[in-house]
Amino acid sequence: MRVPQQDIVGAEGEGLLVMWPFTHVERVLTAALCLGTAAYAITRSVQRAKDRVISGAMPIGANQAIAHPLAAQHARLQANRLFVYRTAALFDAGADVTADANMAKLLTADLAFATADHAMQVMGVDAWDEREGWLDCYLDARLARSGPVSNEFALNYVARHVLGLPAGG
């Protein structure tokens, strides 16, 4: 895009770098929202796994295929929560959180999607009932992997600026 010289912000061709610090809060906020989505999906899934009985007397939560993913997701949630809180505290203290904000958003977006996806399995056919709200939760969790920056964008930043890998195509 052609812009008059006096209207250029930052160095020519590097306008995104001027805006970059303002996106930290958005990525940290997205990470926090993803934590909430994951916690909600786990809580609802655990309750459903305790209550739902398909055949026999045992609830579906007795099945390791249901229980183990929930246990793993709970552990991931706790670790991600600590990382997001640390990133937010560093941001509030004025530290450069570019790498941490990208990683927090990346990790929590993947977690939110994984927990929402597993919740769809645990809920069974009820998950597809629009009145239950799971489709919205699932789609919101999927959206977090694409915005406010895509997971691939976050990975590119970590690869180049944290790991020192060369830029590629």
N, C-alpha and C. Protein backbone atom coordinates (compact mmCIF):
# COMPACT_ATOMS: atom_id res chain seq x y z
N MET A 1 0.84 -1.16 0.00
CA MET A 1 0.00 0.00 0.00
C MET A 1 0.89 1.24 0.00
N ARG A 2 0.55 2.22 -0.77
CA ARG A 2 1.31 3.47 -0.81
C ARG A 2 0.78 4.41 0.27
N VAL A 3 1.70 4.91 1.06
CA VAL A 3 1.38 5.83 2.16
C VAL A 3 2.36 6.99 2.08
N PRO A 4 1.88 8.21 2.25
CA PRO A 4 2.81 9.35 2.25
C PRO A 4 3.87 9.17 3.35
N GLN A 5 5.08 9.57 3.05
CA GLN A 5 6.21 9.38 3.96
C GLN A 5 5.90 9.87 5.37
N GLN A 6 5.24 11.04 5.50
CA GLN A 6 4.96 11.60 6.82
C GLN A 6 3.93 10.78 7.61
N ASP A 7 3.21 9.86 6.94
CA ASP A 7 2.20 9.06 7.61
C ASP A 7 2.69 7.65 7.98
N ILE A 8 3.91 7.34 7.64
CA ILE A 8 4.46 6.02 7.96
C ILE A 8 4.74 5.94 9.46
N VAL A 9 4.28 4.87 10.08
CA VAL A 9 4.54 4.63 11.49
C VAL A 9 5.61 3.55 11.59
N GLY A 10 6.68 3.85 12.30
CA GLY A 10 7.78 2.90 12.40
C GLY A 10 8.61 2.92 11.13
N ALA A 11 9.46 1.92 11.01
CA ALA A 11 10.30 1.81 9.82
C ALA A 11 9.47 1.29 8.65
N GLU A 12 9.82 1.74 7.45
CA GLU A 12 9.08 1.32 6.26
C GLU A 12 9.08 -0.20 6.15
N GLY A 13 7.90 -0.75 5.93
CA GLY A 13 7.76 -2.19 5.79
C GLY A 13 7.69 -2.94 7.11
N GLU A 14 7.77 -2.24 8.23
CA GLU A 14 7.75 -2.91 9.53
C GLU A 14 6.66 -2.35 10.45
N GLY A 15 5.55 -1.93 9.86
CA GLY A 15 4.46 -1.37 10.64
C GLY A 15 3.88 -2.34 11.65
N LEU A 16 3.87 -3.63 11.31
CA LEU A 16 3.35 -4.64 12.24
C LEU A 16 4.16 -4.65 13.53
N LEU A 17 5.46 -4.42 13.43
CA LEU A 17 6.30 -4.44 14.62
C LEU A 17 5.92 -3.33 15.60
N VAL A 18 5.42 -2.21 15.08
CA VAL A 18 4.97 -1.11 15.94
C VAL A 18 3.71 -1.52 16.70
N MET A 19 2.85 -2.27 16.04
CA MET A 19 1.59 -2.69 16.65
C MET A 19 1.75 -3.91 17.55
N TRP A 20 2.80 -4.66 17.37
CA TRP A 20 2.98 -5.95 18.06
C TRP A 20 2.78 -5.88 19.57
N PRO A 21 3.38 -4.93 20.29
CA PRO A 21 3.19 -4.90 21.75
C PRO A 21 1.73 -4.76 22.18
N PHE A 22 0.89 -4.17 21.37
CA PHE A 22 -0.50 -4.00 21.73
C PHE A 22 -1.29 -5.30 21.62
N THR A 23 -0.73 -6.28 20.94
CA THR A 23 -1.43 -7.55 20.79
C THR A 23 -1.18 -8.49 21.97
N HIS A 24 -0.21 -8.17 22.83
CA HIS A 24 0.08 -9.05 23.97
C HIS A 24 -1.15 -9.25 24.85
N VAL A 25 -1.80 -8.15 25.18
CA VAL A 25 -2.96 -8.25 26.07
C VAL A 25 -4.06 -9.09 25.43
N GLU A 26 -4.21 -8.99 24.12
CA GLU A 26 -5.23 -9.77 23.43
C GLU A 26 -4.91 -11.27 23.49
N ARG A 27 -3.64 -11.62 23.33
CA ARG A 27 -3.26 -13.03 23.39
C ARG A 27 -3.37 -13.58 24.81
N VAL A 28 -3.01 -12.77 25.80
CA VAL A 28 -3.15 -13.21 27.19
C VAL A 28 -4.63 -13.35 27.55
N LEU A 29 -5.45 -12.43 27.11
CA LEU A 29 -6.89 -12.52 27.34
C LEU A 29 -7.47 -13.75 26.67
N THR A 30 -7.08 -14.02 25.45
CA THR A 30 -7.55 -15.22 24.76
C THR A 30 -7.13 -16.47 25.53
N ALA A 31 -5.90 -16.47 26.03
CA ALA A 31 -5.43 -17.62 26.82
C ALA A 31 -6.30 -17.80 28.06
N ALA A 32 -6.63 -16.71 28.73
CA ALA A 32 -7.48 -16.79 29.92
C ALA A 32 -8.87 -17.31 29.57
N LEU A 33 -9.42 -16.84 28.46
CA LEU A 33 -10.73 -17.34 28.01
C LEU A 33 -10.67 -18.83 27.69
N CYS A 34 -9.58 -19.25 27.09
CA CYS A 34 -9.42 -20.67 26.78
C CYS A 34 -9.32 -21.50 28.05
N LEU A 35 -8.69 -20.96 29.08
CA LEU A 35 -8.65 -21.67 30.37
C LEU A 35 -10.07 -21.89 30.88
N GLY A 36 -10.89 -20.85 30.79
CA GLY A 36 -12.27 -20.97 31.24
C GLY A 36 -13.05 -21.99 30.43
N THR A 37 -12.85 -21.99 29.13
CA THR A 37 -13.52 -22.96 28.27
C THR A 37 -13.10 -24.38 28.64
N ALA A 38 -11.80 -24.58 28.82
CA ALA A 38 -11.30 -25.91 29.18
C ALA A 38 -11.83 -26.35 30.54
N ALA A 39 -11.81 -25.46 31.51
CA ALA A 39 -12.31 -25.82 32.85
C ALA A 39 -13.79 -26.19 32.79
N TYR A 40 -14.56 -25.42 32.04
CA TYR A 40 -15.99 -25.69 31.89
C TYR A 40 -16.21 -27.04 31.22
N ALA A 41 -15.49 -27.30 30.15
CA ALA A 41 -15.65 -28.56 29.42
C ALA A 41 -15.27 -29.75 30.31
N ILE A 42 -14.21 -29.62 31.07
CA ILE A 42 -13.79 -30.71 31.96
C ILE A 42 -14.84 -30.93 33.05
N THR A 43 -15.28 -29.85 33.67
CA THR A 43 -16.27 -29.96 34.75
C THR A 43 -17.55 -30.63 34.27
N ARG A 44 -18.06 -30.17 33.13
CA ARG A 44 -19.29 -30.76 32.59
C ARG A 44 -19.07 -32.20 32.15
N SER A 45 -17.91 -32.49 31.59
CA SER A 45 -17.62 -33.86 31.15
C SER A 45 -17.51 -34.80 32.34
N VAL A 46 -16.86 -34.36 33.39
CA VAL A 46 -16.72 -35.20 34.58
C VAL A 46 -18.10 -35.51 35.16
N GLN A 47 -18.94 -34.49 35.26
CA GLN A 47 -20.28 -34.72 35.79
C GLN A 47 -21.06 -35.70 34.92
N ARG A 48 -20.97 -35.52 33.62
CA ARG A 48 -21.68 -36.42 32.70
C ARG A 48 -21.12 -37.83 32.79
N ALA A 49 -19.80 -37.96 32.93
CA ALA A 49 -19.16 -39.28 33.04
C ALA A 49 -19.57 -39.99 34.32
N LYS A 50 -19.89 -39.24 35.34
CA LYS A 50 -20.37 -39.83 36.60
C LYS A 50 -21.83 -40.25 36.50
N ASP A 51 -22.62 -39.49 35.74
CA ASP A 51 -24.07 -39.69 35.69
C ASP A 51 -24.54 -40.64 34.59
N ARG A 52 -23.84 -40.66 33.45
CA ARG A 52 -24.33 -41.39 32.28
C ARG A 52 -24.01 -42.88 32.37
N VAL A 53 -25.04 -43.68 32.26
CA VAL A 53 -24.90 -45.13 32.25
C VAL A 53 -25.52 -45.62 30.93
N ILE A 54 -24.73 -46.35 30.15
CA ILE A 54 -25.23 -46.83 28.86
C ILE A 54 -25.76 -48.25 28.98
N SER A 55 -24.99 -49.11 29.55
CA SER A 55 -25.45 -50.49 29.77
C SER A 55 -24.83 -50.97 31.07
N GLY A 56 -25.58 -51.71 31.81
CA GLY A 56 -25.10 -52.18 33.09
C GLY A 56 -25.29 -51.11 34.16
N ALA A 57 -24.52 -51.22 35.21
CA ALA A 57 -24.68 -50.32 36.35
C ALA A 57 -23.56 -49.31 36.48
N MET A 58 -22.53 -49.45 35.68
CA MET A 58 -21.36 -48.58 35.81
C MET A 58 -21.52 -47.34 34.94
N PRO A 59 -21.19 -46.17 35.50
CA PRO A 59 -21.20 -44.96 34.67
C PRO A 59 -20.05 -45.00 33.66
N ILE A 60 -20.20 -44.24 32.58
CA ILE A 60 -19.18 -44.27 31.52
C ILE A 60 -17.82 -43.77 32.02
N GLY A 61 -17.80 -43.02 33.11
CA GLY A 61 -16.54 -42.54 33.67
C GLY A 61 -15.66 -43.64 34.23
N ALA A 62 -16.22 -44.84 34.41
CA ALA A 62 -15.42 -45.98 34.86
C ALA A 62 -14.55 -46.52 33.73
N ASN A 63 -14.86 -46.12 32.51
CA ASN A 63 -14.12 -46.56 31.33
C ASN A 63 -12.87 -45.69 31.18
N GLN A 64 -11.71 -46.33 31.08
CA GLN A 64 -10.46 -45.57 30.98
C GLN A 64 -10.41 -44.69 29.74
N ALA A 65 -11.11 -45.06 28.68
CA ALA A 65 -11.13 -44.24 27.47
C ALA A 65 -11.80 -42.90 27.73
N ILE A 66 -12.65 -42.83 28.72
CA ILE A 66 -13.30 -41.58 29.12
C ILE A 66 -12.48 -40.92 30.24
N ALA A 67 -12.11 -41.69 31.23
CA ALA A 67 -11.47 -41.16 32.44
C ALA A 67 -10.05 -40.64 32.20
N HIS A 68 -9.24 -41.39 31.49
CA HIS A 68 -7.84 -40.98 31.31
C HIS A 68 -7.67 -39.67 30.56
N PRO A 69 -8.39 -39.46 29.46
CA PRO A 69 -8.28 -38.14 28.81
C PRO A 69 -8.71 -37.00 29.73
N LEU A 70 -9.75 -37.22 30.53
CA LEU A 70 -10.19 -36.17 31.46
C LEU A 70 -9.11 -35.88 32.50
N ALA A 71 -8.48 -36.93 33.01
CA ALA A 71 -7.40 -36.74 33.99
C ALA A 71 -6.22 -36.01 33.36
N ALA A 72 -5.87 -36.38 32.15
CA ALA A 72 -4.75 -35.71 31.46
C ALA A 72 -5.09 -34.25 31.16
N GLN A 73 -6.32 -34.00 30.74
CA GLN A 73 -6.74 -32.63 30.45
C GLN A 73 -6.76 -31.79 31.72
N HIS A 74 -7.15 -32.37 32.82
CA HIS A 74 -7.14 -31.64 34.09
C HIS A 74 -5.70 -31.25 34.46
N ALA A 75 -4.77 -32.18 34.29
CA ALA A 75 -3.36 -31.88 34.58
C ALA A 75 -2.84 -30.77 33.67
N ARG A 76 -3.17 -30.85 32.39
CA ARG A 76 -2.76 -29.80 31.44
C ARG A 76 -3.37 -28.46 31.81
N LEU A 77 -4.63 -28.47 32.23
CA LEU A 77 -5.30 -27.23 32.64
C LEU A 77 -4.55 -26.57 33.79
N GLN A 78 -4.17 -27.36 34.78
CA GLN A 78 -3.48 -26.78 35.94
C GLN A 78 -2.13 -26.18 35.53
N ALA A 79 -1.39 -26.86 34.69
CA ALA A 79 -0.10 -26.34 34.23
C ALA A 79 -0.28 -25.09 33.37
N ASN A 80 -1.24 -25.13 32.47
CA ASN A 80 -1.51 -23.97 31.62
C ASN A 80 -1.96 -22.77 32.44
N ARG A 81 -2.77 -23.01 33.46
CA ARG A 81 -3.25 -21.92 34.32
C ARG A 81 -2.05 -21.20 34.97
N LEU A 82 -1.11 -21.97 35.48
CA LEU A 82 0.07 -21.35 36.09
C LEU A 82 0.85 -20.51 35.08
N PHE A 83 1.00 -21.03 33.87
CA PHE A 83 1.74 -20.32 32.84
C PHE A 83 1.03 -19.02 32.44
N VAL A 84 -0.28 -19.08 32.27
CA VAL A 84 -1.04 -17.89 31.89
C VAL A 84 -0.98 -16.85 33.01
N TYR A 85 -1.16 -17.28 34.26
CA TYR A 85 -1.09 -16.34 35.38
C TYR A 85 0.29 -15.69 35.46
N ARG A 86 1.34 -16.48 35.24
CA ARG A 86 2.70 -15.93 35.25
C ARG A 86 2.88 -14.92 34.13
N THR A 87 2.38 -15.25 32.95
CA THR A 87 2.48 -14.34 31.81
C THR A 87 1.73 -13.04 32.08
N ALA A 88 0.53 -13.15 32.65
CA ALA A 88 -0.25 -11.95 32.97
C ALA A 88 0.46 -11.10 34.01
N ALA A 89 1.07 -11.72 35.00
CA ALA A 89 1.80 -10.98 36.04
C ALA A 89 3.01 -10.27 35.43
N LEU A 90 3.71 -10.93 34.53
CA LEU A 90 4.85 -10.30 33.86
C LEU A 90 4.38 -9.13 33.00
N PHE A 91 3.28 -9.31 32.30
CA PHE A 91 2.71 -8.23 31.49
C PHE A 91 2.37 -7.04 32.37
N ASP A 92 1.70 -7.29 33.50
CA ASP A 92 1.33 -6.22 34.42
C ASP A 92 2.56 -5.50 34.98
N ALA A 93 3.67 -6.23 35.08
CA ALA A 93 4.91 -5.64 35.60
C ALA A 93 5.68 -4.89 34.52
N GLY A 94 5.18 -4.93 33.29
CA GLY A 94 5.83 -4.20 32.21
C GLY A 94 6.92 -4.97 31.49
N ALA A 95 7.02 -6.26 31.73
CA ALA A 95 8.04 -7.08 31.07
C ALA A 95 7.64 -7.37 29.62
N ASP A 96 8.63 -7.72 28.82
CA ASP A 96 8.36 -8.13 27.44
C ASP A 96 7.83 -9.56 27.48
N VAL A 97 6.58 -9.73 27.14
CA VAL A 97 5.94 -11.05 27.21
C VAL A 97 5.61 -11.59 25.82
N THR A 98 6.28 -11.10 24.80
CA THR A 98 5.96 -11.52 23.44
C THR A 98 5.98 -13.03 23.31
N ALA A 99 7.07 -13.66 23.72
CA ALA A 99 7.18 -15.12 23.58
C ALA A 99 6.17 -15.82 24.47
N ASP A 100 6.06 -15.40 25.73
CA ASP A 100 5.15 -16.05 26.66
C ASP A 100 3.69 -15.88 26.23
N ALA A 101 3.32 -14.72 25.74
CA ALA A 101 1.94 -14.49 25.30
C ALA A 101 1.61 -15.41 24.12
N ASN A 102 2.55 -15.56 23.19
CA ASN A 102 2.34 -16.47 22.07
C ASN A 102 2.20 -17.91 22.55
N MET A 103 3.09 -18.32 23.44
CA MET A 103 3.04 -19.70 23.92
C MET A 103 1.81 -19.97 24.77
N ALA A 104 1.42 -19.01 25.60
CA ALA A 104 0.22 -19.18 26.42
C ALA A 104 -1.01 -19.32 25.55
N LYS A 105 -1.13 -18.47 24.55
CA LYS A 105 -2.27 -18.54 23.64
C LYS A 105 -2.28 -19.87 22.89
N LEU A 106 -1.13 -20.28 22.40
CA LEU A 106 -1.00 -21.53 21.66
C LEU A 106 -1.41 -22.73 22.51
N LEU A 107 -0.84 -22.83 23.70
CA LEU A 107 -1.10 -23.98 24.57
C LEU A 107 -2.55 -24.04 25.03
N THR A 108 -3.09 -22.89 25.41
CA THR A 108 -4.47 -22.90 25.93
C THR A 108 -5.49 -23.08 24.81
N ALA A 109 -5.21 -22.58 23.63
CA ALA A 109 -6.13 -22.79 22.51
C ALA A 109 -6.21 -24.28 22.17
N ASP A 110 -5.06 -24.94 22.16
CA ASP A 110 -5.06 -26.38 21.90
C ASP A 110 -5.78 -27.14 23.01
N LEU A 111 -5.56 -26.71 24.25
CA LEU A 111 -6.24 -27.36 25.38
C LEU A 111 -7.74 -27.15 25.31
N ALA A 112 -8.18 -25.94 25.06
CA ALA A 112 -9.61 -25.67 24.97
C ALA A 112 -10.26 -26.53 23.89
N PHE A 113 -9.59 -26.65 22.75
CA PHE A 113 -10.15 -27.46 21.68
C PHE A 113 -10.19 -28.94 22.07
N ALA A 114 -9.11 -29.42 22.68
CA ALA A 114 -9.06 -30.84 23.08
C ALA A 114 -10.15 -31.15 24.11
N THR A 115 -10.35 -30.26 25.07
CA THR A 115 -11.36 -30.52 26.10
C THR A 115 -12.77 -30.42 25.52
N ALA A 116 -12.98 -29.46 24.65
CA ALA A 116 -14.31 -29.33 24.02
C ALA A 116 -14.59 -30.54 23.13
N ASP A 117 -13.58 -31.00 22.42
CA ASP A 117 -13.75 -32.16 21.55
C ASP A 117 -14.06 -33.40 22.38
N HIS A 118 -13.33 -33.61 23.47
CA HIS A 118 -13.60 -34.77 24.32
C HIS A 118 -14.98 -34.65 24.98
N ALA A 119 -15.36 -33.44 25.35
CA ALA A 119 -16.69 -33.22 25.93
C ALA A 119 -17.77 -33.66 24.95
N MET A 120 -17.55 -33.40 23.66
CA MET A 120 -18.52 -33.83 22.65
C MET A 120 -18.67 -35.35 22.69
N GLN A 121 -17.56 -36.07 22.88
CA GLN A 121 -17.62 -37.53 22.98
C GLN A 121 -18.35 -37.96 24.24
N VAL A 122 -18.00 -37.34 25.35
CA VAL A 122 -18.59 -37.73 26.63
C VAL A 122 -20.09 -37.45 26.64
N MET A 123 -20.49 -36.33 26.06
CA MET A 123 -21.90 -35.95 26.04
C MET A 123 -22.72 -36.82 25.08
N GLY A 124 -22.03 -37.42 24.13
CA GLY A 124 -22.74 -38.27 23.18
C GLY A 124 -23.67 -37.45 22.30
N VAL A 125 -24.79 -38.03 21.98
CA VAL A 125 -25.73 -37.39 21.07
C VAL A 125 -26.26 -36.07 21.64
N ASP A 126 -26.28 -35.93 22.96
CA ASP A 126 -26.77 -34.68 23.58
C ASP A 126 -25.89 -33.49 23.20
N ALA A 127 -24.64 -33.73 22.87
CA ALA A 127 -23.74 -32.64 22.49
C ALA A 127 -24.21 -31.95 21.21
N TRP A 128 -24.95 -32.67 20.38
CA TRP A 128 -25.41 -32.12 19.11
C TRP A 128 -26.74 -31.38 19.22
N ASP A 129 -27.33 -31.42 20.38
CA ASP A 129 -28.58 -30.70 20.64
C ASP A 129 -28.22 -29.23 20.85
N GLU A 130 -28.64 -28.38 19.95
CA GLU A 130 -28.27 -26.97 19.99
C GLU A 130 -28.67 -26.30 21.30
N ARG A 131 -29.69 -26.82 21.97
CA ARG A 131 -30.13 -26.24 23.24
C ARG A 131 -29.13 -26.47 24.36
N GLU A 132 -28.25 -27.45 24.20
CA GLU A 132 -27.25 -27.76 25.22
C GLU A 132 -26.07 -26.78 25.19
N GLY A 133 -25.83 -26.16 24.05
CA GLY A 133 -24.75 -25.18 23.94
C GLY A 133 -23.37 -25.73 23.65
N TRP A 134 -23.26 -27.05 23.48
CA TRP A 134 -21.94 -27.62 23.24
C TRP A 134 -21.37 -27.29 21.87
N LEU A 135 -22.23 -27.19 20.89
CA LEU A 135 -21.74 -26.82 19.57
C LEU A 135 -21.08 -25.45 19.60
N ASP A 136 -21.69 -24.51 20.31
CA ASP A 136 -21.10 -23.18 20.44
C ASP A 136 -19.76 -23.24 21.17
N CYS A 137 -19.72 -24.02 22.24
CA CYS A 137 -18.47 -24.17 22.99
C CYS A 137 -17.38 -24.77 22.11
N TYR A 138 -17.74 -25.80 21.36
CA TYR A 138 -16.80 -26.47 20.46
C TYR A 138 -16.28 -25.51 19.39
N LEU A 139 -17.20 -24.78 18.77
CA LEU A 139 -16.80 -23.85 17.71
C LEU A 139 -15.96 -22.69 18.27
N ASP A 140 -16.30 -22.19 19.44
CA ASP A 140 -15.50 -21.13 20.07
C ASP A 140 -14.09 -21.63 20.37
N ALA A 141 -14.02 -22.87 20.86
CA ALA A 141 -12.70 -23.44 21.16
C ALA A 141 -11.88 -23.61 19.87
N ARG A 142 -12.53 -24.00 18.81
CA ARG A 142 -11.83 -24.14 17.52
C ARG A 142 -11.37 -22.79 17.00
N LEU A 143 -12.21 -21.78 17.17
CA LEU A 143 -11.87 -20.43 16.73
C LEU A 143 -10.62 -19.92 17.43
N ALA A 144 -10.44 -20.26 18.69
CA ALA A 144 -9.28 -19.78 19.44
C ALA A 144 -7.96 -20.25 18.83
N ARG A 145 -8.00 -21.32 18.07
CA ARG A 145 -6.78 -21.79 17.41
C ARG A 145 -6.43 -20.92 16.20
N SER A 146 -7.39 -20.12 15.75
CA SER A 146 -7.18 -19.27 14.57
C SER A 146 -7.02 -17.80 14.91
N GLY A 147 -7.40 -17.37 16.08
CA GLY A 147 -7.34 -15.95 16.41
C GLY A 147 -7.10 -15.72 17.88
N PRO A 148 -6.68 -14.59 18.30
CA PRO A 148 -6.44 -13.38 17.53
C PRO A 148 -5.23 -13.50 16.61
N VAL A 149 -4.33 -14.42 16.92
CA VAL A 149 -3.30 -14.81 15.96
C VAL A 149 -3.41 -16.32 15.83
N SER A 150 -3.11 -16.85 14.67
CA SER A 150 -3.23 -18.29 14.48
C SER A 150 -2.15 -19.01 15.28
N ASN A 151 -2.41 -20.26 15.58
CA ASN A 151 -1.40 -21.06 16.26
C ASN A 151 -0.13 -21.15 15.42
N GLU A 152 -0.28 -21.18 14.10
CA GLU A 152 0.89 -21.24 13.23
C GLU A 152 1.72 -19.96 13.34
N PHE A 153 1.05 -18.83 13.45
CA PHE A 153 1.75 -17.56 13.63
C PHE A 153 2.52 -17.57 14.94
N ALA A 154 1.87 -18.05 16.00
CA ALA A 154 2.54 -18.15 17.30
C ALA A 154 3.73 -19.10 17.24
N LEU A 155 3.56 -20.22 16.56
CA LEU A 155 4.66 -21.17 16.41
C LEU A 155 5.81 -20.57 15.61
N ASN A 156 5.48 -19.81 14.56
CA ASN A 156 6.53 -19.14 13.78
C ASN A 156 7.35 -18.22 14.67
N TYR A 157 6.66 -17.47 15.54
CA TYR A 157 7.37 -16.54 16.42
C TYR A 157 8.30 -17.31 17.36
N VAL A 158 7.79 -18.36 17.97
CA VAL A 158 8.61 -19.14 18.90
C VAL A 158 9.80 -19.76 18.17
N ALA A 159 9.55 -20.31 16.99
CA ALA A 159 10.63 -20.93 16.22
C ALA A 159 11.74 -19.94 15.89
N ARG A 160 11.35 -18.75 15.44
CA ARG A 160 12.35 -17.75 15.02
C ARG A 160 12.99 -17.03 16.19
N HIS A 161 12.15 -16.53 17.11
CA HIS A 161 12.65 -15.60 18.12
C HIS A 161 13.03 -16.24 19.44
N VAL A 162 12.53 -17.42 19.72
CA VAL A 162 12.89 -18.11 20.95
C VAL A 162 13.96 -19.17 20.65
N LEU A 163 13.72 -19.95 19.60
CA LEU A 163 14.64 -21.03 19.26
C LEU A 163 15.76 -20.58 18.30
N GLY A 164 15.58 -19.43 17.68
CA GLY A 164 16.61 -18.92 16.79
C GLY A 164 16.68 -19.62 15.46
N LEU A 165 15.60 -20.26 15.04
CA LEU A 165 15.59 -20.94 13.75
C LEU A 165 15.42 -19.93 12.63
N PRO A 166 15.94 -20.24 11.44
CA PRO A 166 15.79 -19.30 10.33
C PRO A 166 14.35 -19.22 9.84
N ALA A 167 14.02 -18.09 9.26
CA ALA A 167 12.69 -17.92 8.67
C ALA A 167 12.61 -18.75 7.41
N GLY A 168 11.46 -19.36 7.22
CA GLY A 168 11.27 -20.19 6.04
C GLY A 168 9.97 -19.86 5.35
N GLY A 169 9.65 -20.62 4.38
CA GLY A 169 8.42 -20.40 3.61
C GLY A 169 7.32 -21.31 4.00
